[in-house]
């Protein structure tokens, strides 16, 4: 027991635990909406699309979260516009956009690494133990805003998620709801990128929501159960990661 308790006395381990709990709650709640709306691929596409924005932000000394968030919104916009302006279907548009963005991000990272002689693999796999107090503030603000907005408009979001056409007939602002949900999901995967990287953030978003949906298929859309499951799994993963020699990100997704 002492082996498991001793690492939590260190400040950077305490910050890592707080960060992973915040990320788990945010991704779990937002990811539940993806599960209900059958848009798991959208979360994956946005997550991979963050990479070029984060790389560009690093190159020009801007906050990584700002660049990643902007790239995610741009990718989501492209994925929404392409099916409307061309015969390409939504799933094909997602595949095209996220692969193009991800390829651009990998190319930018390879160029930056060669020029500056640094390792940027934490973009892909996360760097949880390097969490700073400023990172915690950003994560807390994003979690409060997104989870608070979902709680405030929970009935409308749930109605729209299960029956978009019925919500439109009932007079709900479906376009505003769609934009808001997309922004919230983008914020969630952007925050999650810092903990587990762009390759694994989808697991923290989809798995808890899918598990909650199995238990309560009529109420799983952002009602908090996915966030609780994600937080408990993340705590266990963070504890397991202490005694392992692998990267810290993968155990958080077990």
Protein backbone atom coordinates (compact mmCIF):
# COMPACT_ATOMS: atom_id res chain seq x y z
CA UNK A 1 0.00 0.00 0.00
CA UNK A 2 2.86 2.37 0.77
CA UNK A 3 4.21 1.87 -2.75
CA UNK A 4 0.90 3.06 -4.17
CA UNK A 5 0.47 5.92 -1.71
CA UNK A 6 3.98 7.38 -1.74
CA UNK A 7 3.95 8.78 -5.32
CA UNK A 8 0.88 10.89 -4.54
CA UNK A 9 2.96 12.93 -2.10
CA UNK A 10 4.75 14.52 -5.05
CA UNK A 11 3.31 17.76 -6.42
CA UNK A 12 3.56 16.77 -10.10
CA UNK A 13 1.71 13.51 -9.39
CA UNK A 14 -1.06 15.42 -7.63
CA UNK A 15 -1.37 17.74 -10.62
CA UNK A 16 -1.46 14.73 -12.95
CA UNK A 17 -4.28 13.13 -10.97
CA UNK A 18 -6.35 16.33 -10.91
CA UNK A 19 -5.75 16.78 -14.64
CA UNK A 20 -6.81 13.27 -15.55
CA UNK A 21 -9.97 13.52 -13.46
CA UNK A 22 -10.94 16.81 -15.11
CA UNK A 23 -10.25 15.40 -18.57
CA UNK A 24 -12.16 12.21 -17.78
CA UNK A 25 -15.27 14.06 -16.62
CA UNK A 26 -15.20 16.42 -19.59
CA UNK A 27 -14.56 13.75 -22.23
CA UNK A 28 -16.95 11.30 -20.61
CA UNK A 29 -19.87 13.74 -20.58
CA UNK A 30 -19.20 15.16 -24.04
CA UNK A 31 -18.44 11.74 -25.48
CA UNK A 32 -21.81 10.42 -24.33
CA UNK A 33 -23.40 12.76 -26.87
CA UNK A 34 -21.29 11.23 -29.64
CA UNK A 35 -22.47 7.76 -28.67
CA UNK A 36 -26.14 8.74 -28.56
CA UNK A 37 -25.86 10.58 -31.89
CA UNK A 38 -23.91 7.70 -33.50
CA UNK A 39 -21.05 10.02 -34.36
CA UNK A 40 -18.05 8.29 -32.81
CA UNK A 41 -16.12 8.84 -36.04
CA UNK A 42 -16.69 12.59 -35.67
CA UNK A 43 -14.83 12.59 -32.35
CA UNK A 44 -11.98 10.60 -33.89
CA UNK A 45 -11.83 12.93 -36.88
CA UNK A 46 -11.72 16.06 -34.73
CA UNK A 47 -9.10 14.53 -32.43
CA UNK A 48 -6.75 13.73 -35.32
CA UNK A 49 -7.39 17.15 -36.83
CA UNK A 50 -5.95 18.90 -33.77
CA UNK A 51 -2.40 17.95 -34.68
CA UNK A 52 -1.56 20.61 -37.31
CA UNK A 53 -3.03 23.37 -35.14
CA UNK A 54 -0.96 22.31 -32.14
CA UNK A 55 2.18 22.07 -34.28
CA UNK A 56 1.66 25.52 -35.81
CA UNK A 57 0.96 27.03 -32.39
CA UNK A 58 4.19 25.52 -31.08
CA UNK A 59 6.13 26.88 -34.05
CA UNK A 60 4.93 30.46 -33.48
CA UNK A 61 5.02 30.29 -29.66
CA UNK A 62 1.26 30.40 -29.12
CA UNK A 63 -0.66 28.27 -26.58
CA UNK A 64 -0.98 24.73 -27.92
CA UNK A 65 -4.59 24.47 -26.83
CA UNK A 66 -5.50 27.59 -28.83
CA UNK A 67 -4.02 26.26 -32.06
CA UNK A 68 -5.45 22.78 -31.54
CA UNK A 69 -8.93 24.13 -30.78
CA UNK A 70 -8.89 26.34 -33.89
CA UNK A 71 -7.79 23.42 -36.07
CA UNK A 72 -10.53 21.24 -34.60
CA UNK A 73 -13.21 23.82 -35.34
CA UNK A 74 -11.89 24.28 -38.89
CA UNK A 75 -11.97 20.52 -39.46
CA UNK A 76 -15.51 20.26 -38.08
CA UNK A 77 -16.59 23.09 -40.39
CA UNK A 78 -15.05 21.34 -43.41
CA UNK A 79 -16.72 18.04 -42.49
CA UNK A 80 -20.09 19.81 -42.30
CA UNK A 81 -19.72 21.82 -45.51
CA UNK A 82 -18.31 19.16 -47.85
CA UNK A 83 -21.43 16.90 -47.80
CA UNK A 84 -23.65 19.95 -48.34
CA UNK A 85 -21.72 21.28 -51.31
CA UNK A 86 -20.82 17.99 -53.03
CA UNK A 87 -22.10 14.43 -53.59
CA UNK A 88 -19.61 13.16 -50.97
CA UNK A 89 -21.34 11.50 -48.00
CA UNK A 90 -20.71 12.52 -44.39
CA UNK A 91 -18.60 9.49 -43.43
CA UNK A 92 -16.40 9.91 -46.51
CA UNK A 93 -16.01 13.63 -45.79
CA UNK A 94 -14.89 12.84 -42.23
CA UNK A 95 -12.32 10.35 -43.48
CA UNK A 96 -10.95 12.74 -46.08
CA UNK A 97 -10.75 15.74 -43.75
CA UNK A 98 -9.21 14.03 -40.73
CA UNK A 99 -6.64 12.11 -42.80
CA UNK A 100 -5.61 15.32 -44.58
CA UNK A 101 -5.32 17.26 -41.33
CA UNK A 102 -3.45 14.45 -39.58
CA UNK A 103 -1.01 14.08 -42.47
CA UNK A 104 -0.36 17.82 -42.39
CA UNK A 105 0.23 17.65 -38.65
CA UNK A 106 2.71 14.79 -38.94
CA UNK A 107 4.57 16.66 -41.68
CA UNK A 108 4.75 19.83 -39.58
CA UNK A 109 5.97 17.93 -36.52
CA UNK A 110 8.72 16.20 -38.51
CA UNK A 111 9.94 19.55 -39.87
CA UNK A 112 9.87 21.25 -36.47
CA UNK A 113 11.70 18.35 -34.80
CA UNK A 114 14.48 18.44 -37.38
CA UNK A 115 14.93 22.20 -37.14
CA UNK A 116 14.75 22.54 -33.34
CA UNK A 117 16.13 19.13 -32.33
CA UNK A 118 13.30 18.39 -29.89
CA UNK A 119 10.85 15.54 -29.37
CA UNK A 120 7.20 16.37 -30.01
CA UNK A 121 5.81 12.87 -29.52
CA UNK A 122 3.73 14.16 -26.59
CA UNK A 123 1.36 15.60 -29.21
CA UNK A 124 0.55 12.03 -30.19
CA UNK A 125 0.76 10.24 -26.84
CA UNK A 126 0.27 13.00 -24.26
CA UNK A 127 2.54 14.08 -21.41
CA UNK A 128 0.44 13.87 -18.28
CA UNK A 129 3.28 14.18 -15.78
CA UNK A 130 4.32 17.53 -17.27
CA UNK A 131 0.99 19.14 -16.35
CA UNK A 132 1.48 22.68 -15.03
CA UNK A 133 -0.79 24.75 -12.76
CA UNK A 134 -1.73 26.83 -15.83
CA UNK A 135 -2.81 23.64 -17.60
CA UNK A 136 -5.03 22.77 -14.64
CA UNK A 137 -6.68 26.18 -14.79
CA UNK A 138 -7.40 25.77 -18.50
CA UNK A 139 -8.77 22.27 -17.98
CA UNK A 140 -10.97 23.38 -15.08
CA UNK A 141 -12.40 26.31 -17.06
CA UNK A 142 -13.11 24.15 -20.12
CA UNK A 143 -14.72 21.44 -18.00
CA UNK A 144 -16.89 23.93 -16.12
CA UNK A 145 -18.07 25.66 -19.30
CA UNK A 146 -18.84 22.53 -21.34
CA UNK A 147 -20.37 20.45 -18.55
CA UNK A 148 -22.29 23.50 -17.29
CA UNK A 149 -23.70 24.21 -20.75
CA UNK A 150 -24.75 20.57 -21.19
CA UNK A 151 -26.44 20.60 -17.78
CA UNK A 152 -28.19 23.89 -18.52
CA UNK A 153 -29.60 22.76 -21.87
CA UNK A 154 -29.78 19.06 -21.06
CA UNK A 155 -33.42 18.50 -22.08
CA UNK A 156 -33.00 20.29 -25.40
CA UNK A 157 -29.74 18.51 -26.19
CA UNK A 158 -31.20 15.12 -25.29
CA UNK A 159 -34.28 15.73 -27.43
CA UNK A 160 -32.18 16.85 -30.37
CA UNK A 161 -29.71 13.96 -29.98
CA UNK A 162 -32.40 11.26 -30.10
CA UNK A 163 -34.78 12.94 -32.58
CA UNK A 164 -33.31 15.82 -34.66
CA UNK A 165 -36.34 16.06 -36.93
CA UNK A 166 -38.75 16.12 -34.01
CA UNK A 167 -36.68 18.83 -32.33
CA UNK A 168 -36.85 20.96 -35.48
CA UNK A 169 -40.63 20.52 -35.69
CA UNK A 170 -40.94 21.45 -32.01
CA UNK A 171 -39.23 24.76 -32.76
CA UNK A 172 -35.87 24.11 -31.08
CA UNK A 173 -32.87 25.98 -32.52
CA UNK A 174 -31.35 22.85 -34.01
CA UNK A 175 -28.57 24.66 -35.88
CA UNK A 176 -27.46 26.40 -32.69
CA UNK A 177 -27.58 23.11 -30.80
CA UNK A 178 -25.51 21.41 -33.50
CA UNK A 179 -22.86 24.14 -33.42
CA UNK A 180 -22.80 24.14 -29.62
CA UNK A 181 -22.38 20.37 -29.42
CA UNK A 182 -19.58 20.46 -31.99
CA UNK A 183 -17.76 23.23 -30.11
CA UNK A 184 -18.14 21.33 -26.84
CA UNK A 185 -16.79 18.11 -28.34
CA UNK A 186 -13.87 20.00 -29.89
CA UNK A 187 -13.07 21.58 -26.53
CA UNK A 188 -13.21 18.16 -24.85
CA UNK A 189 -10.80 16.46 -27.24
CA UNK A 190 -8.49 19.51 -27.15
CA UNK A 191 -8.24 19.29 -23.38
CA UNK A 192 -7.89 15.51 -23.53
CA UNK A 193 -5.00 15.83 -25.98
CA UNK A 194 -2.78 17.14 -23.19
CA UNK A 195 -3.37 14.04 -21.10
CA UNK A 196 -3.35 11.12 -23.55
CA UNK A 197 -2.52 12.69 -26.93
CA UNK A 198 -4.54 12.84 -30.13
CA UNK A 199 -4.28 9.10 -30.74
CA UNK A 200 -5.96 7.98 -27.51
CA UNK A 201 -8.30 10.81 -26.58
CA UNK A 202 -11.14 9.11 -28.47
CA UNK A 203 -10.98 6.17 -26.05
CA UNK A 204 -11.62 8.48 -23.09
CA UNK A 205 -14.57 9.99 -24.95
CA UNK A 206 -16.31 6.95 -26.42
CA UNK A 207 -15.74 4.03 -24.04
CA UNK A 208 -17.37 5.64 -20.94
CA UNK A 209 -20.30 6.94 -22.98
CA UNK A 210 -20.83 3.55 -24.63
CA UNK A 211 -20.76 1.81 -21.24
CA UNK A 212 -23.28 4.28 -19.82
CA UNK A 213 -25.46 3.76 -22.88
CA UNK A 214 -25.50 0.00 -22.26
CA UNK A 215 -26.78 0.59 -18.73
CA UNK A 216 -29.22 3.40 -19.48
CA UNK A 217 -29.93 3.63 -23.23
CA UNK A 218 -32.63 6.26 -22.74
CA UNK A 219 -30.62 8.62 -20.53
CA UNK A 220 -27.00 8.26 -21.56
CA UNK A 221 -26.79 11.51 -23.50
CA UNK A 222 -24.57 13.70 -21.37
CA UNK A 223 -26.33 13.05 -18.05
CA UNK A 224 -23.09 12.59 -16.12
CA UNK A 225 -22.88 8.82 -15.89
CA UNK A 226 -20.30 8.69 -18.67
CA UNK A 227 -18.22 11.28 -16.81
CA UNK A 228 -18.35 9.30 -13.57
CA UNK A 229 -17.33 6.09 -15.34
CA UNK A 230 -14.49 7.91 -17.11
CA UNK A 231 -13.25 9.46 -13.84
CA UNK A 232 -13.21 6.13 -12.02
CA UNK A 233 -11.44 4.41 -14.91
CA UNK A 234 -8.94 7.27 -15.20
CA UNK A 235 -8.11 7.11 -11.49
CA UNK A 236 -7.48 3.39 -11.76
CA UNK A 237 -5.42 3.88 -14.92
CA UNK A 238 -3.36 6.64 -13.32
CA UNK A 239 -2.67 4.38 -10.32
CA UNK A 240 -1.72 1.48 -12.59
CA UNK A 241 0.57 3.72 -14.64
CA UNK A 242 2.70 4.46 -11.57
CA UNK A 243 4.03 0.90 -11.39
CA UNK A 244 4.38 0.40 -15.16
CA UNK A 245 7.18 1.32 -17.53
CA UNK A 246 4.94 2.20 -20.47
CA UNK A 247 3.73 5.65 -21.46
CA UNK A 248 1.30 7.23 -19.00
CA UNK A 249 -1.46 7.71 -21.56
CA UNK A 250 -2.47 4.12 -22.46
CA UNK A 251 -3.33 2.92 -18.90
CA UNK A 252 -5.79 5.82 -18.59
CA UNK A 253 -7.84 4.30 -21.43
CA UNK A 254 -8.01 0.75 -20.04
